[in-house]
Amino acid sequence: MLVEENPGATWEYGCMITRLVHEGKPLAGLITPVFSCKVLGHWAYAIAAGGFVFTFVVSDHEATVAEPAFLQLDGTLRVPCKEFTQIPFLMRHAMAIMKTNMGKELPGGKA
């Protein structure tokens, strides 16, 4: 698709963007590694950075259920706002960090 300069259909390799908040405040300082996950029955890769979660759907079958969340042909993009504690992969990541750092000195203070 890149070589052919073909953007494809709206659902092909779509990216969903979600704004992250915690207790109503922007959560801009969080950066995660890339995680694989299933979104509405489709394989996806997600990363949190800059106060947003970017979720790229990479299934080879039509992701029409998720299509309204992708960039539309008219240029519109819905960006919902979500509490980070309601996003399972972010909570797993946070819990892993807490478990790893239990009892260890962290920059700027103790765990």
N, C-alpha and C. Protein backbone atom coordinates (compact mmCIF):
# COMPACT_ATOMS: atom_id res chain seq x y z
N MET A 1 0.83 -1.19 0.00
CA MET A 1 0.00 0.00 0.00
C MET A 1 0.88 1.26 0.00
N LEU A 2 1.98 1.25 0.76
CA LEU A 2 2.87 2.40 0.80
C LEU A 2 3.56 2.60 -0.55
N VAL A 3 4.09 1.51 -1.10
CA VAL A 3 4.79 1.59 -2.38
C VAL A 3 3.85 2.10 -3.48
N GLU A 4 2.62 1.64 -3.44
CA GLU A 4 1.63 2.03 -4.46
C GLU A 4 0.96 3.37 -4.15
N GLU A 5 1.35 3.99 -3.02
CA GLU A 5 0.73 5.24 -2.57
C GLU A 5 -0.80 5.11 -2.53
N ASN A 6 -1.23 3.97 -1.99
CA ASN A 6 -2.65 3.65 -1.89
C ASN A 6 -3.05 3.66 -0.42
N PRO A 7 -3.85 4.64 0.03
CA PRO A 7 -4.23 4.68 1.44
C PRO A 7 -5.17 3.55 1.84
N GLY A 8 -5.75 2.87 0.88
CA GLY A 8 -6.66 1.77 1.19
C GLY A 8 -7.99 2.25 1.71
N ALA A 9 -8.81 1.28 2.06
CA ALA A 9 -10.13 1.59 2.62
C ALA A 9 -9.96 2.09 4.05
N THR A 10 -10.98 2.73 4.56
CA THR A 10 -10.94 3.28 5.92
C THR A 10 -10.55 2.22 6.94
N TRP A 11 -11.04 0.99 6.78
CA TRP A 11 -10.80 -0.07 7.77
C TRP A 11 -9.44 -0.75 7.63
N GLU A 12 -8.74 -0.57 6.52
CA GLU A 12 -7.48 -1.26 6.31
C GLU A 12 -6.36 -0.63 7.13
N TYR A 13 -5.84 -1.38 8.09
CA TYR A 13 -4.74 -0.93 8.95
C TYR A 13 -5.06 0.41 9.63
N GLY A 14 -6.28 0.50 10.12
CA GLY A 14 -6.73 1.72 10.77
C GLY A 14 -6.06 1.96 12.11
N CYS A 15 -6.03 3.22 12.50
CA CYS A 15 -5.47 3.60 13.79
C CYS A 15 -6.56 4.29 14.61
N MET A 16 -6.78 3.79 15.81
CA MET A 16 -7.70 4.43 16.75
C MET A 16 -6.86 5.22 17.74
N ILE A 17 -7.27 6.43 18.04
CA ILE A 17 -6.55 7.26 18.99
C ILE A 17 -7.48 7.56 20.16
N THR A 18 -6.98 7.37 21.38
CA THR A 18 -7.75 7.63 22.59
C THR A 18 -6.95 8.56 23.48
N ARG A 19 -7.59 9.62 23.96
CA ARG A 19 -6.94 10.54 24.90
C ARG A 19 -6.97 9.91 26.28
N LEU A 20 -5.85 9.96 27.00
CA LEU A 20 -5.76 9.35 28.32
C LEU A 20 -5.91 10.40 29.42
N VAL A 21 -6.70 10.05 30.42
CA VAL A 21 -6.82 10.88 31.61
C VAL A 21 -6.75 9.99 32.83
N HIS A 22 -6.42 10.60 33.96
CA HIS A 22 -6.49 9.91 35.25
C HIS A 22 -7.15 10.87 36.22
N GLU A 23 -8.28 10.44 36.75
CA GLU A 23 -9.08 11.27 37.65
C GLU A 23 -9.40 12.62 37.01
N GLY A 24 -9.71 12.58 35.71
CA GLY A 24 -10.12 13.77 34.98
C GLY A 24 -9.00 14.66 34.48
N LYS A 25 -7.76 14.33 34.79
CA LYS A 25 -6.63 15.15 34.37
C LYS A 25 -5.84 14.44 33.27
N PRO A 26 -5.30 15.20 32.30
CA PRO A 26 -4.52 14.58 31.23
C PRO A 26 -3.35 13.76 31.78
N LEU A 27 -3.08 12.65 31.15
CA LEU A 27 -2.00 11.76 31.57
C LEU A 27 -0.93 11.76 30.47
N ALA A 28 -0.17 12.84 30.41
CA ALA A 28 0.77 13.03 29.31
C ALA A 28 2.12 12.37 29.53
N GLY A 29 2.49 12.04 30.75
CA GLY A 29 3.83 11.54 31.04
C GLY A 29 4.03 10.05 30.83
N LEU A 30 3.01 9.33 30.47
CA LEU A 30 3.10 7.87 30.34
C LEU A 30 3.58 7.48 28.94
N ILE A 31 4.61 6.64 28.90
CA ILE A 31 5.08 6.06 27.64
C ILE A 31 5.23 4.57 27.89
N THR A 32 4.65 3.76 27.03
CA THR A 32 4.71 2.31 27.19
C THR A 32 5.41 1.66 26.00
N PRO A 33 5.83 0.42 26.18
CA PRO A 33 6.27 -0.34 25.00
C PRO A 33 5.03 -0.68 24.17
N VAL A 34 5.25 -1.21 23.01
CA VAL A 34 4.14 -1.63 22.15
C VAL A 34 3.57 -2.94 22.69
N PHE A 35 2.25 -3.02 22.74
CA PHE A 35 1.56 -4.22 23.19
C PHE A 35 0.70 -4.76 22.07
N SER A 36 0.64 -6.08 21.95
CA SER A 36 -0.32 -6.68 21.02
C SER A 36 -1.57 -7.01 21.81
N CYS A 37 -2.70 -6.89 21.15
CA CYS A 37 -3.98 -7.14 21.82
C CYS A 37 -5.03 -7.44 20.76
N LYS A 38 -6.18 -7.86 21.23
CA LYS A 38 -7.33 -8.07 20.34
C LYS A 38 -8.31 -6.93 20.57
N VAL A 39 -8.79 -6.33 19.50
CA VAL A 39 -9.79 -5.27 19.56
C VAL A 39 -10.95 -5.69 18.68
N LEU A 40 -12.09 -5.93 19.30
CA LEU A 40 -13.29 -6.33 18.56
C LEU A 40 -13.01 -7.49 17.61
N GLY A 41 -12.21 -8.46 18.08
CA GLY A 41 -11.92 -9.65 17.29
C GLY A 41 -10.81 -9.50 16.27
N HIS A 42 -10.09 -8.39 16.30
CA HIS A 42 -9.01 -8.14 15.35
C HIS A 42 -7.71 -7.93 16.09
N TRP A 43 -6.61 -8.43 15.51
CA TRP A 43 -5.30 -8.19 16.11
C TRP A 43 -4.93 -6.73 15.96
N ALA A 44 -4.31 -6.21 17.01
CA ALA A 44 -3.91 -4.80 17.01
C ALA A 44 -2.64 -4.64 17.82
N TYR A 45 -1.97 -3.54 17.59
CA TYR A 45 -0.81 -3.15 18.38
C TYR A 45 -1.10 -1.77 18.96
N ALA A 46 -0.81 -1.61 20.24
CA ALA A 46 -1.12 -0.35 20.91
C ALA A 46 0.10 0.17 21.65
N ILE A 47 0.21 1.49 21.70
CA ILE A 47 1.28 2.15 22.45
C ILE A 47 0.70 3.43 23.05
N ALA A 48 1.09 3.71 24.28
CA ALA A 48 0.68 4.96 24.92
C ALA A 48 1.87 5.91 24.91
N ALA A 49 1.62 7.15 24.51
CA ALA A 49 2.66 8.18 24.49
C ALA A 49 2.00 9.55 24.35
N GLY A 50 2.54 10.53 25.05
CA GLY A 50 2.07 11.90 24.90
C GLY A 50 0.64 12.14 25.31
N GLY A 51 0.11 11.30 26.20
CA GLY A 51 -1.26 11.48 26.66
C GLY A 51 -2.31 10.80 25.79
N PHE A 52 -1.86 9.95 24.88
CA PHE A 52 -2.78 9.26 23.99
C PHE A 52 -2.40 7.79 23.88
N VAL A 53 -3.37 6.95 23.53
CA VAL A 53 -3.11 5.57 23.15
C VAL A 53 -3.36 5.48 21.65
N PHE A 54 -2.37 4.96 20.94
CA PHE A 54 -2.49 4.74 19.50
C PHE A 54 -2.65 3.25 19.29
N THR A 55 -3.75 2.82 18.72
CA THR A 55 -4.03 1.41 18.50
C THR A 55 -4.16 1.17 17.01
N PHE A 56 -3.24 0.37 16.47
CA PHE A 56 -3.22 0.07 15.05
C PHE A 56 -3.80 -1.32 14.82
N VAL A 57 -4.87 -1.41 14.07
CA VAL A 57 -5.52 -2.68 13.78
C VAL A 57 -4.85 -3.28 12.55
N VAL A 58 -4.33 -4.50 12.70
CA VAL A 58 -3.52 -5.11 11.63
C VAL A 58 -4.12 -6.40 11.08
N SER A 59 -5.38 -6.66 11.34
CA SER A 59 -6.02 -7.86 10.81
C SER A 59 -6.07 -7.81 9.29
N ASP A 60 -6.06 -9.00 8.70
CA ASP A 60 -6.17 -9.05 7.25
C ASP A 60 -7.62 -9.20 6.79
N HIS A 61 -8.56 -9.14 7.74
CA HIS A 61 -9.97 -9.17 7.37
C HIS A 61 -10.63 -7.85 7.79
N GLU A 62 -11.73 -7.56 7.17
CA GLU A 62 -12.39 -6.26 7.30
C GLU A 62 -12.80 -5.95 8.74
N ALA A 63 -12.36 -4.81 9.22
CA ALA A 63 -12.63 -4.36 10.59
C ALA A 63 -13.75 -3.32 10.58
N THR A 64 -14.89 -3.67 9.98
CA THR A 64 -15.96 -2.69 9.82
C THR A 64 -16.57 -2.25 11.14
N VAL A 65 -16.54 -3.12 12.17
CA VAL A 65 -17.11 -2.75 13.47
C VAL A 65 -16.32 -1.59 14.08
N ALA A 66 -15.01 -1.59 13.88
CA ALA A 66 -14.15 -0.54 14.43
C ALA A 66 -14.01 0.66 13.49
N GLU A 67 -14.50 0.54 12.28
CA GLU A 67 -14.29 1.57 11.25
C GLU A 67 -14.66 2.99 11.68
N PRO A 68 -15.75 3.21 12.42
CA PRO A 68 -16.07 4.59 12.83
C PRO A 68 -14.98 5.25 13.68
N ALA A 69 -14.10 4.46 14.29
CA ALA A 69 -13.04 5.00 15.14
C ALA A 69 -11.80 5.39 14.33
N PHE A 70 -11.75 5.03 13.06
CA PHE A 70 -10.58 5.32 12.22
C PHE A 70 -10.75 6.65 11.51
N LEU A 71 -9.66 7.18 10.96
CA LEU A 71 -9.70 8.38 10.15
C LEU A 71 -10.65 8.14 8.98
N GLN A 72 -11.58 9.06 8.77
CA GLN A 72 -12.58 8.91 7.72
C GLN A 72 -12.13 9.60 6.43
N LEU A 73 -12.75 9.22 5.34
CA LEU A 73 -12.39 9.79 4.04
C LEU A 73 -12.60 11.30 4.00
N ASP A 74 -13.54 11.82 4.80
CA ASP A 74 -13.78 13.27 4.81
C ASP A 74 -12.82 14.01 5.75
N GLY A 75 -11.87 13.28 6.35
CA GLY A 75 -10.86 13.90 7.21
C GLY A 75 -11.21 13.93 8.68
N THR A 76 -12.39 13.46 9.06
CA THR A 76 -12.76 13.48 10.47
C THR A 76 -12.17 12.29 11.20
N LEU A 77 -11.88 12.51 12.48
CA LEU A 77 -11.34 11.46 13.34
C LEU A 77 -11.91 11.67 14.74
N ARG A 78 -12.58 10.68 15.24
CA ARG A 78 -13.10 10.72 16.61
C ARG A 78 -11.99 10.33 17.56
N VAL A 79 -11.77 11.15 18.59
CA VAL A 79 -10.75 10.85 19.60
C VAL A 79 -11.44 10.86 20.96
N PRO A 80 -11.88 9.68 21.41
CA PRO A 80 -12.54 9.63 22.72
C PRO A 80 -11.54 9.84 23.85
N CYS A 81 -12.05 10.19 25.00
CA CYS A 81 -11.25 10.38 26.20
C CYS A 81 -11.59 9.23 27.15
N LYS A 82 -10.56 8.59 27.70
CA LYS A 82 -10.80 7.43 28.55
C LYS A 82 -9.88 7.45 29.77
N GLU A 83 -10.43 7.04 30.91
CA GLU A 83 -9.66 6.88 32.15
C GLU A 83 -8.68 5.73 31.93
N PHE A 84 -7.39 5.97 32.20
CA PHE A 84 -6.38 4.95 31.90
C PHE A 84 -6.61 3.67 32.67
N THR A 85 -7.23 3.74 33.86
CA THR A 85 -7.46 2.52 34.64
C THR A 85 -8.51 1.63 34.00
N GLN A 86 -9.20 2.13 32.97
CA GLN A 86 -10.21 1.33 32.26
C GLN A 86 -9.65 0.67 31.00
N ILE A 87 -8.33 0.78 30.80
CA ILE A 87 -7.69 0.19 29.63
C ILE A 87 -6.81 -0.96 30.12
N PRO A 88 -7.24 -2.20 29.87
CA PRO A 88 -6.56 -3.37 30.46
C PRO A 88 -5.06 -3.43 30.23
N PHE A 89 -4.56 -3.19 29.02
CA PHE A 89 -3.12 -3.34 28.80
C PHE A 89 -2.33 -2.29 29.58
N LEU A 90 -2.90 -1.11 29.80
CA LEU A 90 -2.20 -0.10 30.59
C LEU A 90 -2.17 -0.48 32.06
N MET A 91 -3.24 -1.06 32.55
CA MET A 91 -3.25 -1.51 33.95
C MET A 91 -2.27 -2.66 34.16
N ARG A 92 -2.19 -3.60 33.22
CA ARG A 92 -1.21 -4.69 33.33
C ARG A 92 0.21 -4.12 33.35
N HIS A 93 0.46 -3.14 32.51
CA HIS A 93 1.78 -2.50 32.46
C HIS A 93 2.08 -1.80 33.79
N ALA A 94 1.13 -1.06 34.32
CA ALA A 94 1.32 -0.35 35.59
C ALA A 94 1.57 -1.33 36.73
N MET A 95 0.82 -2.43 36.75
CA MET A 95 0.99 -3.43 37.81
C MET A 95 2.36 -4.10 37.70
N ALA A 96 2.82 -4.36 36.49
CA ALA A 96 4.15 -4.97 36.30
C ALA A 96 5.24 -4.04 36.80
N ILE A 97 5.11 -2.75 36.55
CA ILE A 97 6.10 -1.79 37.02
C ILE A 97 6.08 -1.75 38.54
N MET A 98 4.90 -1.72 39.13
CA MET A 98 4.80 -1.69 40.59
C MET A 98 5.42 -2.94 41.20
N LYS A 99 5.13 -4.11 40.62
CA LYS A 99 5.67 -5.36 41.14
C LYS A 99 7.20 -5.38 41.03
N THR A 100 7.73 -4.93 39.91
CA THR A 100 9.17 -4.90 39.70
C THR A 100 9.87 -3.97 40.68
N ASN A 101 9.22 -2.86 41.01
CA ASN A 101 9.86 -1.83 41.82
C ASN A 101 9.50 -1.90 43.30
N MET A 102 8.73 -2.87 43.72
CA MET A 102 8.37 -2.98 45.14
C MET A 102 9.62 -3.07 45.99
N GLY A 103 9.77 -2.14 46.91
CA GLY A 103 10.90 -2.17 47.82
C GLY A 103 12.20 -1.66 47.25
N LYS A 104 12.19 -1.28 46.00
CA LYS A 104 13.41 -0.76 45.39
C LYS A 104 13.35 0.75 45.36
N GLU A 105 14.51 1.36 45.44
CA GLU A 105 14.56 2.81 45.37
C GLU A 105 14.25 3.28 43.95
N LEU A 106 13.37 4.23 43.85
CA LEU A 106 13.01 4.81 42.59
C LEU A 106 13.62 6.21 42.48
N PRO A 107 13.85 6.70 41.29
CA PRO A 107 14.38 8.06 41.15
C PRO A 107 13.45 9.04 41.87
N GLY A 108 14.02 9.88 42.70
CA GLY A 108 13.23 10.89 43.40
C GLY A 108 12.60 10.41 44.70
N GLY A 109 12.86 9.21 45.11
CA GLY A 109 12.28 8.72 46.36
C GLY A 109 12.21 7.22 46.40
N LYS A 110 11.50 6.71 47.41
CA LYS A 110 11.37 5.26 47.59
C LYS A 110 10.02 4.79 47.09
N ALA A 111 9.96 3.50 46.76
CA ALA A 111 8.73 2.89 46.29
C ALA A 111 7.70 2.84 47.40
